[in-house]
Amino acid sequence: MSTYRQLKGYNVKKVDSDPANPQIGQVWYNDTTNQIKVRSTIVAAWASGGALVLARRGQGSAGTQTAGLAFGGTPPPDGNDVSEEYNGSAWTEGNNLNTGKTTTAGAGSQTAAVGFGGETSGSNTKTTEEYNGTSWSEQNDMATARQALAGTGTQTAAIAIGGYTNTSVANTEEYGGTSWTAGGALPVAKSVLSAAGTLTAGLAIGGNSYLATTEHYDGSSWTAGGNLNTGRINMGAAGLQTAAVTFGGSTGSNTAATELYDGTSWSNSASLATARRQIGGNGVLASALAHGGFASSDSNATEEFTNTTVFSNKLDVS
């Protein structure tokens, strides 16, 4: 019979305090706490969540995995005005947008969100609405009406990135909770892209013509970041500039691929169960939410992402 030493290359040591940087699979006995511990991992994965009340694609998103918000979306060209809230297990319908729209964008939290741009009744829109957890109220419009744009940030510090007028645009606009002002232009015009991060540390990801490029925003200008492994359009995204995840979209056909970003480079991760485009994304890298989109038809599917976690299991022996 093999010993633990032969299998893992470590002895089970008795220590007075836990090692600072234990290796995966390392086991030790903490003599102070009377515990046997082992360094383990939970591998990144997607799990099924509660279905949207209304199947849709092109919806706006805000919030987290356990307090998410989805609003607007199909059917084009009119778009719908339905908003839904997610509690970590199920979606419930909230009060409607004042103006139905699709291919729209959003930012903020479930109780303090802002939605902007999109397509309504066959025309691009620059309308902006804020959500307080109960109802939507109209706010000052963006300068440029556009659809297929991306958004990120908070209700009082949001950014609208790129989009489509009668062509893809490089425009960036910043929202301060009341009105919009011009921000720095993208290095290249982009639409059908995704975004993550904040107003002063944002990400623009992928976009038209299946771009693989990523750009960083510092609150005034954009600079090039690391390229996606697979260029794509109409994907979901969540997280921060230095810890982001993007998922789904289209590479010419629907994809389930997921990639993680560390602020410098993208790496492949666990795939969605259902390949789809025009998908909504909420949350952070450690716990993201993917909802809706278009598979072979409009989808009501929700999936929850858990990133790889390293931790120390313990067993009391006192």
C-alpha atoms as a PDB file:
ATOM      1  CA  MET A   1       0.000   0.000   0.000  1.00  0.00           C
ATOM      2  CA  SER A   2       1.306   3.464  -0.947  1.00  0.00           C
ATOM      3  CA  THR A   3       1.918   5.979   1.802  1.00  0.00           C
ATOM      4  CA  TYR A   4       0.761   9.607   1.691  1.00  0.00           C
ATOM      5  CA  ARG A   5       4.416  10.576   1.322  1.00  0.00           C
ATOM      6  CA  GLN A   6       4.746   8.332  -1.742  1.00  0.00           C
ATOM      7  CA  LEU A   7       1.502   9.605  -3.323  1.00  0.00           C
ATOM      8  CA  LYS A   8       1.835  13.361  -2.701  1.00  0.00           C
ATOM      9  CA  GLY A   9       5.491  13.935  -1.915  1.00  0.00           C
ATOM     10  CA  TYR A  10       4.797  15.462   1.505  1.00  0.00           C
ATOM     11  CA  ASN A  11       5.071  14.238   5.055  1.00  0.00           C
ATOM     12  CA  VAL A  12       2.196  14.960   7.450  1.00  0.00           C
ATOM     13  CA  LYS A  13       3.993  17.432   9.667  1.00  0.00           C
ATOM     14  CA  LYS A  14       3.040  18.651  13.123  1.00  0.00           C
ATOM     15  CA  VAL A  15       3.197  22.447  13.288  1.00  0.00           C
ATOM     16  CA  ASP A  16       2.254  25.149  15.783  1.00  0.00           C
ATOM     17  CA  SER A  17       0.673  27.360  13.101  1.00  0.00           C
ATOM     18  CA  ASP A  18      -0.571  26.857   9.548  1.00  0.00           C
ATOM     19  CA  PRO A  19       2.069  27.219   6.800  1.00  0.00           C
ATOM     20  CA  ALA A  20       1.963  30.543   4.957  1.00  0.00           C
ATOM     21  CA  ASN A  21       1.867  29.098   1.425  1.00  0.00           C
ATOM     22  CA  PRO A  22       0.889  25.411   1.497  1.00  0.00           C
ATOM     23  CA  GLN A  23       0.847  23.483  -1.760  1.00  0.00           C
ATOM     24  CA  ILE A  24      -2.273  21.924  -3.227  1.00  0.00           C
ATOM     25  CA  GLY A  25      -2.640  18.463  -1.647  1.00  0.00           C
ATOM     26  CA  GLN A  26      -0.380  19.251   1.311  1.00  0.00           C
ATOM     27  CA  VAL A  27      -1.572  17.908   4.690  1.00  0.00           C
ATOM     28  CA  TRP A  28      -0.462  19.080   8.142  1.00  0.00           C
ATOM     29  CA  TYR A  29      -1.443  18.762  11.791  1.00  0.00           C
ATOM     30  CA  ASN A  30      -1.880  22.033  13.687  1.00  0.00           C
ATOM     31  CA  ASP A  31      -0.905  21.242  17.259  1.00  0.00           C
ATOM     32  CA  THR A  32      -2.312  24.552  18.543  1.00  0.00           C
ATOM     33  CA  THR A  33      -5.843  24.097  17.174  1.00  0.00           C
ATOM     34  CA  ASN A  34      -5.791  20.259  17.246  1.00  0.00           C
ATOM     35  CA  GLN A  35      -6.783  20.093  13.579  1.00  0.00           C
ATOM     36  CA  ILE A  36      -5.633  18.111  10.572  1.00  0.00           C
ATOM     37  CA  LYS A  37      -5.769  20.301   7.460  1.00  0.00           C
ATOM     38  CA  VAL A  38      -5.379  19.746   3.722  1.00  0.00           C
ATOM     39  CA  ARG A  39      -4.974  22.336   0.981  1.00  0.00           C
ATOM     40  CA  SER A  40      -7.680  21.732  -1.640  1.00  0.00           C
ATOM     41  CA  THR A  41      -9.346  23.347  -4.635  1.00  0.00           C
ATOM     42  CA  ILE A  42     -12.849  23.687  -5.998  1.00  0.00           C
ATOM     43  CA  VAL A  43     -12.618  23.741  -9.781  1.00  0.00           C
ATOM     44  CA  ALA A  44     -14.371  26.554 -11.680  1.00  0.00           C
ATOM     45  CA  ALA A  45     -17.814  25.518 -12.899  1.00  0.00           C
ATOM     46  CA  TRP A  46     -21.223  26.675 -14.091  1.00  0.00           C
ATOM     47  CA  ALA A  47     -24.371  25.422 -12.349  1.00  0.00           C
ATOM     48  CA  SER A  48     -28.007  25.754 -13.336  1.00  0.00           C
ATOM     49  CA  GLY A  49     -29.974  28.590 -11.720  1.00  0.00           C
ATOM     50  CA  GLY A  50     -33.622  29.596 -11.716  1.00  0.00           C
ATOM     51  CA  ALA A  51     -35.173  30.336 -15.121  1.00  0.00           C
ATOM     52  CA  LEU A  52     -36.114  33.862 -16.192  1.00  0.00           C
ATOM     53  CA  VAL A  53     -39.858  34.520 -16.165  1.00  0.00           C
ATOM     54  CA  LEU A  54     -39.563  35.870 -19.723  1.00  0.00           C
ATOM     55  CA  ALA A  55     -37.199  34.272 -22.248  1.00  0.00           C
ATOM     56  CA  ARG A  56     -35.195  37.080 -23.846  1.00  0.00           C
ATOM     57  CA  ARG A  57     -32.006  38.238 -25.493  1.00  0.00           C
ATOM     58  CA  GLY A  58     -30.342  41.644 -25.687  1.00  0.00           C
ATOM     59  CA  GLN A  59     -31.416  42.616 -22.166  1.00  0.00           C
ATOM     60  CA  GLY A  60     -29.691  45.053 -19.831  1.00  0.00           C
ATOM     61  CA  SER A  61     -28.062  43.724 -16.667  1.00  0.00           C
ATOM     62  CA  ALA A  62     -27.044  44.959 -13.236  1.00  0.00           C
ATOM     63  CA  GLY A  63     -26.356  43.588  -9.769  1.00  0.00           C
ATOM     64  CA  THR A  64     -24.776  40.406  -8.454  1.00  0.00           C
ATOM     65  CA  GLN A  65     -25.259  36.651  -8.571  1.00  0.00           C
ATOM     66  CA  THR A  66     -27.542  36.730  -5.525  1.00  0.00           C
ATOM     67  CA  ALA A  67     -29.174  40.105  -6.226  1.00  0.00           C
ATOM     68  CA  GLY A  68     -29.380  40.456  -9.984  1.00  0.00           C
ATOM     69  CA  LEU A  69     -31.458  42.556 -12.348  1.00  0.00           C
ATOM     70  CA  ALA A  70     -32.476  41.935 -15.979  1.00  0.00           C
ATOM     71  CA  PHE A  71     -34.508  44.429 -18.011  1.00  0.00           C
ATOM     72  CA  GLY A  72     -35.677  44.941 -21.571  1.00  0.00           C
ATOM     73  CA  GLY A  73     -34.600  42.660 -24.374  1.00  0.00           C
ATOM     74  CA  THR A  74     -36.426  40.929 -27.226  1.00  0.00           C
ATOM     75  CA  PRO A  75     -38.491  40.917 -29.278  1.00  0.00           C
ATOM     76  CA  PRO A  76     -36.875  43.385 -31.683  1.00  0.00           C
ATOM     77  CA  PRO A  77     -37.451  45.929 -33.034  1.00  0.00           C
ATOM     78  CA  ASP A  78     -39.749  47.178 -30.269  1.00  0.00           C
ATOM     79  CA  GLY A  79     -38.111  45.531 -27.273  1.00  0.00           C
ATOM     80  CA  ASN A  80     -39.914  44.705 -24.047  1.00  0.00           C
ATOM     81  CA  ASP A  81     -40.306  46.731 -20.877  1.00  0.00           C
ATOM     82  CA  VAL A  82     -40.197  43.842 -18.396  1.00  0.00           C
ATOM     83  CA  SER A  83     -37.668  43.880 -15.546  1.00  0.00           C
ATOM     84  CA  GLU A  84     -36.908  40.910 -13.281  1.00  0.00           C
ATOM     85  CA  GLU A  85     -34.998  40.502 -10.018  1.00  0.00           C
ATOM     86  CA  TYR A  86     -32.905  37.448  -9.042  1.00  0.00           C
ATOM     87  CA  ASN A  87     -32.376  36.389  -5.421  1.00  0.00           C
ATOM     88  CA  GLY A  88     -29.814  33.657  -6.002  1.00  0.00           C
ATOM     89  CA  SER A  89     -32.356  30.963  -6.804  1.00  0.00           C
ATOM     90  CA  ALA A  90     -35.368  32.452  -8.598  1.00  0.00           C
ATOM     91  CA  TRP A  91     -36.445  35.400 -10.753  1.00  0.00           C
ATOM     92  CA  THR A  92     -39.506  37.508  -9.927  1.00  0.00           C
ATOM     93  CA  GLU A  93     -41.023  40.217 -12.079  1.00  0.00           C
ATOM     94  CA  GLY A  94     -40.620  43.809 -10.926  1.00  0.00           C
ATOM     95  CA  ASN A  95     -42.083  47.062 -12.226  1.00  0.00           C
ATOM     96  CA  ASN A  96     -41.669  47.782 -15.924  1.00  0.00           C
ATOM     97  CA  LEU A  97     -39.359  50.173 -17.734  1.00  0.00           C
ATOM     98  CA  ASN A  98     -41.035  53.331 -18.982  1.00  0.00           C
ATOM     99  CA  THR A  99     -39.796  52.523 -22.499  1.00  0.00           C
ATOM    100  CA  GLY A 100     -39.422  49.012 -23.856  1.00  0.00           C
ATOM    101  CA  LYS A 101     -36.071  48.414 -25.556  1.00  0.00           C
ATOM    102  CA  THR A 102     -33.664  45.734 -26.699  1.00  0.00           C
ATOM    103  CA  THR A 103     -29.875  45.535 -27.252  1.00  0.00           C
ATOM    104  CA  THR A 104     -29.638  47.856 -24.263  1.00  0.00           C
ATOM    105  CA  ALA A 105     -27.035  48.300 -21.503  1.00  0.00           C
ATOM    106  CA  GLY A 106     -26.994  48.782 -17.755  1.00  0.00           C
ATOM    107  CA  ALA A 107     -24.890  49.301 -14.650  1.00  0.00           C
ATOM    108  CA  GLY A 108     -25.230  49.379 -10.885  1.00  0.00           C
ATOM    109  CA  SER A 109     -26.982  47.162  -8.367  1.00  0.00           C
ATOM    110  CA  GLN A 110     -30.412  45.568  -8.005  1.00  0.00           C
ATOM    111  CA  THR A 111     -31.640  48.472  -5.885  1.00  0.00           C
ATOM    112  CA  ALA A 112     -29.697  51.264  -7.604  1.00  0.00           C
ATOM    113  CA  ALA A 113     -29.388  50.579 -11.333  1.00  0.00           C
ATOM    114  CA  VAL A 114     -29.224  52.660 -14.479  1.00  0.00           C
ATOM    115  CA  GLY A 115     -30.264  51.461 -17.951  1.00  0.00           C
ATOM    116  CA  PHE A 116     -29.399  53.314 -21.160  1.00  0.00           C
ATOM    117  CA  GLY A 117     -29.463  53.147 -24.937  1.00  0.00           C
ATOM    118  CA  GLY A 118     -30.742  50.338 -27.112  1.00  0.00           C
ATOM    119  CA  GLU A 119     -33.332  49.950 -29.829  1.00  0.00           C
ATOM    120  CA  THR A 120     -37.010  50.769 -29.484  1.00  0.00           C
ATOM    121  CA  SER A 121     -39.684  50.654 -32.202  1.00  0.00           C
ATOM    122  CA  GLY A 122     -36.986  50.088 -34.826  1.00  0.00           C
ATOM    123  CA  SER A 123     -34.946  53.156 -33.880  1.00  0.00           C
ATOM    124  CA  ASN A 124     -31.832  53.732 -31.786  1.00  0.00           C
ATOM    125  CA  THR A 125     -32.541  55.387 -28.456  1.00  0.00           C
ATOM    126  CA  LYS A 126     -30.574  57.567 -26.047  1.00  0.00           C
ATOM    127  CA  THR A 127     -33.055  57.283 -23.189  1.00  0.00           C
ATOM    128  CA  THR A 128     -31.785  56.704 -19.660  1.00  0.00           C
ATOM    129  CA  GLU A 129     -33.736  55.291 -16.716  1.00  0.00           C
ATOM    130  CA  GLU A 130     -32.837  54.654 -13.080  1.00  0.00           C
ATOM    131  CA  TYR A 131     -34.175  51.823 -10.909  1.00  0.00           C
ATOM    132  CA  ASN A 132     -34.466  52.125  -7.125  1.00  0.00           C
ATOM    133  CA  GLY A 133     -35.406  48.524  -6.408  1.00  0.00           C
ATOM    134  CA  THR A 134     -39.092  49.234  -6.936  1.00  0.00           C
ATOM    135  CA  SER A 135     -39.675  51.425  -9.976  1.00  0.00           C
ATOM    136  CA  TRP A 136     -37.979  53.025 -12.980  1.00  0.00           C
ATOM    137  CA  SER A 137     -37.749  56.796 -13.516  1.00  0.00           C
ATOM    138  CA  GLU A 138     -36.670  58.691 -16.623  1.00  0.00           C
ATOM    139  CA  GLN A 139     -33.406  60.641 -16.474  1.00  0.00           C
ATOM    140  CA  ASN A 140     -31.393  62.845 -18.830  1.00  0.00           C
ATOM    141  CA  ASP A 141     -30.645  61.272 -22.193  1.00  0.00           C
ATOM    142  CA  MET A 142     -27.262  60.256 -23.556  1.00  0.00           C
ATOM    143  CA  ALA A 143     -25.791  62.539 -26.214  1.00  0.00           C
ATOM    144  CA  THR A 144     -25.731  59.770 -28.848  1.00  0.00           C
ATOM    145  CA  ALA A 145     -28.632  57.411 -29.541  1.00  0.00           C
ATOM    146  CA  ARG A 146     -27.262  53.908 -30.059  1.00  0.00           C
ATOM    147  CA  GLN A 147     -27.905  50.207 -29.662  1.00  0.00           C
ATOM    148  CA  ALA A 148     -25.616  47.188 -29.104  1.00  0.00           C
ATOM    149  CA  LEU A 149     -23.491  49.196 -26.662  1.00  0.00           C
ATOM    150  CA  ALA A 150     -21.904  48.034 -23.403  1.00  0.00           C
ATOM    151  CA  GLY A 151     -22.191  49.492 -19.919  1.00  0.00           C
ATOM    152  CA  THR A 152     -20.540  49.118 -16.537  1.00  0.00           C
ATOM    153  CA  GLY A 153     -20.062  50.931 -13.229  1.00  0.00           C
ATOM    154  CA  THR A 154     -22.622  52.155 -10.711  1.00  0.00           C
ATOM    155  CA  GLN A 155     -25.815  54.205 -10.831  1.00  0.00           C
ATOM    156  CA  THR A 156     -23.886  57.371  -9.998  1.00  0.00           C
ATOM    157  CA  ALA A 157     -20.685  56.551 -11.901  1.00  0.00           C
ATOM    158  CA  ALA A 158     -21.481  54.598 -15.064  1.00  0.00           C
ATOM    159  CA  ILE A 159     -19.923  54.395 -18.492  1.00  0.00           C
ATOM    160  CA  ALA A 160     -21.574  53.752 -21.887  1.00  0.00           C
ATOM    161  CA  ILE A 161     -19.145  52.222 -24.354  1.00  0.00           C
ATOM    162  CA  GLY A 162     -19.296  51.988 -28.129  1.00  0.00           C
ATOM    163  CA  GLY A 163     -22.477  50.788 -29.836  1.00  0.00           C
ATOM    164  CA  TYR A 164     -24.170  51.106 -33.203  1.00  0.00           C
ATOM    165  CA  THR A 165     -25.826  54.150 -34.784  1.00  0.00           C
ATOM    166  CA  ASN A 166     -25.805  53.441 -38.519  1.00  0.00           C
ATOM    167  CA  THR A 167     -22.280  52.128 -38.022  1.00  0.00           C
ATOM    168  CA  SER A 168     -20.173  51.008 -35.079  1.00  0.00           C
ATOM    169  CA  VAL A 169     -18.921  53.940 -32.980  1.00  0.00           C
ATOM    170  CA  ALA A 170     -16.021  54.641 -30.618  1.00  0.00           C
ATOM    171  CA  ASN A 171     -17.997  57.043 -28.416  1.00  0.00           C
ATOM    172  CA  THR A 172     -17.717  56.799 -24.649  1.00  0.00           C
ATOM    173  CA  GLU A 173     -20.075  58.663 -22.319  1.00  0.00           C
ATOM    174  CA  GLU A 174     -19.862  58.979 -18.535  1.00  0.00           C
ATOM    175  CA  TYR A 175     -22.887  59.200 -16.231  1.00  0.00           C
ATOM    176  CA  GLY A 176     -22.661  60.958 -12.882  1.00  0.00           C
ATOM    177  CA  GLY A 177     -26.118  60.127 -11.563  1.00  0.00           C
ATOM    178  CA  THR A 178     -27.811  63.072 -13.281  1.00  0.00           C
ATOM    179  CA  SER A 179     -26.391  63.692 -16.741  1.00  0.00           C
ATOM    180  CA  TRP A 180     -23.970  62.364 -19.336  1.00  0.00           C
ATOM    181  CA  THR A 181     -20.644  63.867 -20.400  1.00  0.00           C
ATOM    182  CA  ALA A 182     -18.221  62.862 -23.136  1.00  0.00           C
ATOM    183  CA  GLY A 183     -15.415  60.487 -22.195  1.00  0.00           C
ATOM    184  CA  GLY A 184     -12.346  59.274 -24.049  1.00  0.00           C
ATOM    185  CA  ALA A 185     -12.972  57.518 -27.370  1.00  0.00           C
ATOM    186  CA  LEU A 186     -12.136  53.846 -27.891  1.00  0.00           C
ATOM    187  CA  PRO A 187      -9.059  53.214 -30.073  1.00  0.00           C
ATOM    188  CA  VAL A 188     -11.362  51.380 -32.493  1.00  0.00           C
ATOM    189  CA  ALA A 189     -15.105  51.651 -33.081  1.00  0.00           C
ATOM    190  CA  LYS A 190     -16.956  48.759 -31.430  1.00  0.00           C
ATOM    191  CA  SER A 191     -20.495  47.440 -31.119  1.00  0.00           C
ATOM    192  CA  VAL A 192     -21.964  44.134 -29.838  1.00  0.00           C
ATOM    193  CA  LEU A 193     -19.207  44.139 -27.201  1.00  0.00           C
ATOM    194  CA  SER A 194     -19.269  43.497 -23.452  1.00  0.00           C
ATOM    195  CA  ALA A 195     -17.876  45.421 -20.495  1.00  0.00           C
ATOM    196  CA  ALA A 196     -16.780  45.010 -16.882  1.00  0.00           C
ATOM    197  CA  GLY A 197     -15.221  47.103 -14.136  1.00  0.00           C
ATOM    198  CA  THR A 198     -15.884  50.665 -13.016  1.00  0.00           C
ATOM    199  CA  LEU A 199     -15.970  54.167 -14.483  1.00  0.00           C
ATOM    200  CA  THR A 200     -12.307  54.743 -13.567  1.00  0.00           C
ATOM    201  CA  ALA A 201     -11.120  51.176 -14.157  1.00  0.00           C
ATOM    202  CA  GLY A 202     -13.235  49.737 -16.948  1.00  0.00           C
ATOM    203  CA  LEU A 203     -12.903  47.026 -19.589  1.00  0.00           C
ATOM    204  CA  ALA A 204     -14.244  46.909 -23.144  1.00  0.00           C
ATOM    205  CA  ILE A 205     -14.201  43.324 -24.394  1.00  0.00           C
ATOM    206  CA  GLY A 206     -14.444  41.929 -27.925  1.00  0.00           C
ATOM    207  CA  GLY A 207     -16.994  43.297 -30.369  1.00  0.00           C
ATOM    208  CA  ASN A 208     -17.943  43.605 -34.043  1.00  0.00           C
ATOM    209  CA  SER A 209     -16.150  41.486 -36.633  1.00  0.00           C
ATOM    210  CA  TYR A 210     -15.347  39.027 -33.807  1.00  0.00           C
ATOM    211  CA  LEU A 211     -12.647  41.220 -32.332  1.00  0.00           C
ATOM    212  CA  ALA A 212     -10.388  39.678 -29.680  1.00  0.00           C
ATOM    213  CA  THR A 213      -9.160  43.043 -28.400  1.00  0.00           C
ATOM    214  CA  THR A 214      -9.613  44.305 -24.843  1.00  0.00           C
ATOM    215  CA  GLU A 215      -9.258  47.937 -23.792  1.00  0.00           C
ATOM    216  CA  HIS A 216      -8.691  49.445 -20.327  1.00  0.00           C
ATOM    217  CA  TYR A 217     -10.323  52.724 -19.248  1.00  0.00           C
ATOM    218  CA  ASP A 218      -8.844  54.935 -16.519  1.00  0.00           C
ATOM    219  CA  GLY A 219     -11.632  57.486 -16.327  1.00  0.00           C
ATOM    220  CA  SER A 220     -10.349  59.573 -19.227  1.00  0.00           C
ATOM    221  CA  SER A 221      -8.705  57.413 -21.890  1.00  0.00           C
ATOM    222  CA  TRP A 222      -8.518  53.873 -23.254  1.00  0.00           C
ATOM    223  CA  THR A 223      -5.387  51.750 -23.651  1.00  0.00           C
ATOM    224  CA  ALA A 224      -4.887  48.283 -25.092  1.00  0.00           C
ATOM    225  CA  GLY A 225      -5.070  45.251 -22.808  1.00  0.00           C
ATOM    226  CA  GLY A 226      -4.622  41.535 -23.429  1.00  0.00           C
ATOM    227  CA  ASN A 227      -6.467  39.829 -26.274  1.00  0.00           C
ATOM    228  CA  LEU A 228      -9.159  37.205 -25.809  1.00  0.00           C
ATOM    229  CA  ASN A 229      -8.184  33.690 -26.804  1.00  0.00           C
ATOM    230  CA  THR A 230     -11.287  33.632 -29.002  1.00  0.00           C
ATOM    231  CA  GLY A 231     -12.662  36.801 -30.597  1.00  0.00           C
ATOM    232  CA  ARG A 232     -16.425  37.088 -30.278  1.00  0.00           C
ATOM    233  CA  ILE A 233     -19.503  39.298 -30.180  1.00  0.00           C
ATOM    234  CA  ASN A 234     -22.633  39.506 -28.008  1.00  0.00           C
ATOM    235  CA  MET A 235     -21.133  37.866 -24.913  1.00  0.00           C
ATOM    236  CA  GLY A 236     -21.831  38.420 -21.223  1.00  0.00           C
ATOM    237  CA  ALA A 237     -19.282  39.730 -18.739  1.00  0.00           C
ATOM    238  CA  ALA A 238     -18.819  40.428 -15.044  1.00  0.00           C
ATOM    239  CA  GLY A 239     -16.146  41.517 -12.589  1.00  0.00           C
ATOM    240  CA  LEU A 240     -13.405  44.120 -12.385  1.00  0.00           C
ATOM    241  CA  GLN A 241     -10.655  45.369 -14.670  1.00  0.00           C
ATOM    242  CA  THR A 242      -8.131  43.077 -12.960  1.00  0.00           C
ATOM    243  CA  ALA A 243     -10.492  40.173 -12.252  1.00  0.00           C
ATOM    244  CA  ALA A 244     -13.094  39.696 -14.984  1.00  0.00           C
ATOM    245  CA  VAL A 245     -14.969  36.883 -16.684  1.00  0.00           C
ATOM    246  CA  THR A 246     -16.616  36.828 -20.106  1.00  0.00           C
ATOM    247  CA  PHE A 247     -18.823  34.049 -21.433  1.00  0.00           C
ATOM    248  CA  GLY A 248     -20.950  32.909 -24.344  1.00  0.00           C
ATOM    249  CA  GLY A 249     -21.485  35.053 -27.416  1.00  0.00           C
ATOM    250  CA  SER A 250     -20.903  34.232 -31.055  1.00  0.00           C
ATOM    251  CA  THR A 251     -17.770  33.413 -33.025  1.00  0.00           C
ATOM    252  CA  GLY A 252     -19.860  33.014 -36.185  1.00  0.00           C
ATOM    253  CA  SER A 253     -21.930  30.449 -34.333  1.00  0.00           C
ATOM    254  CA  ASN A 254     -23.019  30.418 -30.705  1.00  0.00           C
ATOM    255  CA  THR A 255     -20.310  29.579 -28.198  1.00  0.00           C
ATOM    256  CA  ALA A 256     -20.296  28.370 -24.591  1.00  0.00           C
ATOM    257  CA  ALA A 257     -16.664  29.385 -24.035  1.00  0.00           C
ATOM    258  CA  THR A 258     -15.680  31.192 -20.824  1.00  0.00           C
ATOM    259  CA  GLU A 259     -12.501  33.217 -20.313  1.00  0.00           C
ATOM    260  CA  LEU A 260     -10.983  34.805 -17.203  1.00  0.00           C
ATOM    261  CA  TYR A 261      -8.943  38.034 -17.114  1.00  0.00           C
ATOM    262  CA  ASP A 262      -6.300  39.009 -14.548  1.00  0.00           C
ATOM    263  CA  GLY A 263      -5.683  42.518 -15.823  1.00  0.00           C
ATOM    264  CA  THR A 264      -3.064  41.363 -18.305  1.00  0.00           C
ATOM    265  CA  SER A 265      -4.133  38.184 -20.066  1.00  0.00           C
ATOM    266  CA  TRP A 266      -7.142  35.937 -20.674  1.00  0.00           C
ATOM    267  CA  SER A 267      -7.276  32.223 -19.840  1.00  0.00           C
ATOM    268  CA  ASN A 268      -9.864  29.610 -20.774  1.00  0.00           C
ATOM    269  CA  SER A 269     -12.184  28.285 -18.073  1.00  0.00           C
ATOM    270  CA  ALA A 270     -15.241  26.057 -17.696  1.00  0.00           C
ATOM    271  CA  SER A 271     -17.817  26.374 -20.475  1.00  0.00           C
ATOM    272  CA  LEU A 272     -21.474  27.276 -20.094  1.00  0.00           C
ATOM    273  CA  ALA A 273     -23.916  24.379 -20.307  1.00  0.00           C
ATOM    274  CA  THR A 274     -25.784  26.167 -23.119  1.00  0.00           C
ATOM    275  CA  ALA A 275     -24.036  28.009 -25.948  1.00  0.00           C
ATOM    276  CA  ARG A 276     -25.826  31.325 -26.598  1.00  0.00           C
ATOM    277  CA  ARG A 277     -25.345  34.898 -27.750  1.00  0.00           C
ATOM    278  CA  GLN A 278     -26.839  38.261 -26.660  1.00  0.00           C
ATOM    279  CA  ILE A 279     -26.531  36.987 -23.110  1.00  0.00           C
ATOM    280  CA  GLY A 280     -26.875  38.988 -19.888  1.00  0.00           C
ATOM    281  CA  GLY A 281     -24.074  39.073 -17.299  1.00  0.00           C
ATOM    282  CA  ASN A 282     -23.934  40.163 -13.656  1.00  0.00           C
ATOM    283  CA  GLY A 283     -21.685  39.807 -10.622  1.00  0.00           C
ATOM    284  CA  VAL A 284     -17.966  39.373 -10.049  1.00  0.00           C
ATOM    285  CA  LEU A 285     -15.295  36.904 -11.128  1.00  0.00           C
ATOM    286  CA  ALA A 286     -15.760  34.662  -8.079  1.00  0.00           C
ATOM    287  CA  SER A 287     -19.546  34.455  -8.540  1.00  0.00           C
ATOM    288  CA  ALA A 288     -21.018  35.552 -11.864  1.00  0.00           C
ATOM    289  CA  LEU A 289     -24.493  35.172 -13.343  1.00  0.00           C
ATOM    290  CA  ALA A 290     -25.387  34.427 -16.991  1.00  0.00           C
ATOM    291  CA  HIS A 291     -29.005  34.777 -18.065  1.00  0.00           C
ATOM    292  CA  GLY A 292     -31.123  34.673 -21.187  1.00  0.00           C
ATOM    293  CA  GLY A 293     -29.661  35.026 -24.658  1.00  0.00           C
ATOM    294  CA  PHE A 294     -30.347  33.290 -27.936  1.00  0.00           C
ATOM    295  CA  ALA A 295     -29.592  29.588 -28.394  1.00  0.00           C
ATOM    296  CA  SER A 296     -31.874  28.124 -31.074  1.00  0.00           C
ATOM    297  CA  SER A 297     -34.530  30.517 -29.790  1.00  0.00           C
ATOM    298  CA  ASP A 298     -34.806  33.118 -27.050  1.00  0.00           C
ATOM    299  CA  SER A 299     -33.656  31.518 -23.809  1.00  0.00           C
ATOM    300  CA  ASN A 300     -34.811  31.795 -20.197  1.00  0.00           C
ATOM    301  CA  ALA A 301     -31.833  29.780 -18.926  1.00  0.00           C
ATOM    302  CA  THR A 302     -29.778  31.068 -15.996  1.00  0.00           C
ATOM    303  CA  GLU A 303     -26.361  29.729 -15.033  1.00  0.00           C
ATOM    304  CA  GLU A 304     -24.251  30.567 -11.986  1.00  0.00           C
ATOM    305  CA  PHE A 305     -20.443  30.630 -12.166  1.00  0.00           C
ATOM    306  CA  THR A 306     -18.103  29.804  -9.312  1.00  0.00           C
ATOM    307  CA  ASN A 307     -14.437  30.476  -9.967  1.00  0.00           C
ATOM    308  CA  THR A 308     -11.648  28.182  -8.808  1.00  0.00           C
ATOM    309  CA  THR A 309     -11.285  28.447  -5.035  1.00  0.00           C
ATOM    310  CA  VAL A 310      -8.300  27.351  -2.960  1.00  0.00           C
ATOM    311  CA  PHE A 311      -8.958  26.588   0.695  1.00  0.00           C
ATOM    312  CA  SER A 312      -7.874  24.437   3.617  1.00  0.00           C
ATOM    313  CA  ASN A 313     -10.210  21.687   4.784  1.00  0.00           C
ATOM    314  CA  LYS A 314      -9.969  20.941   8.465  1.00  0.00           C
ATOM    315  CA  LEU A 315     -10.843  18.046  10.752  1.00  0.00           C
ATOM    316  CA  ASP A 316     -11.015  18.534  14.509  1.00  0.00           C
ATOM    317  CA  VAL A 317      -9.218  15.804  16.444  1.00  0.00           C
ATOM    318  CA  SER A 318      -9.481  17.204  19.981  1.00  0.00           C
END
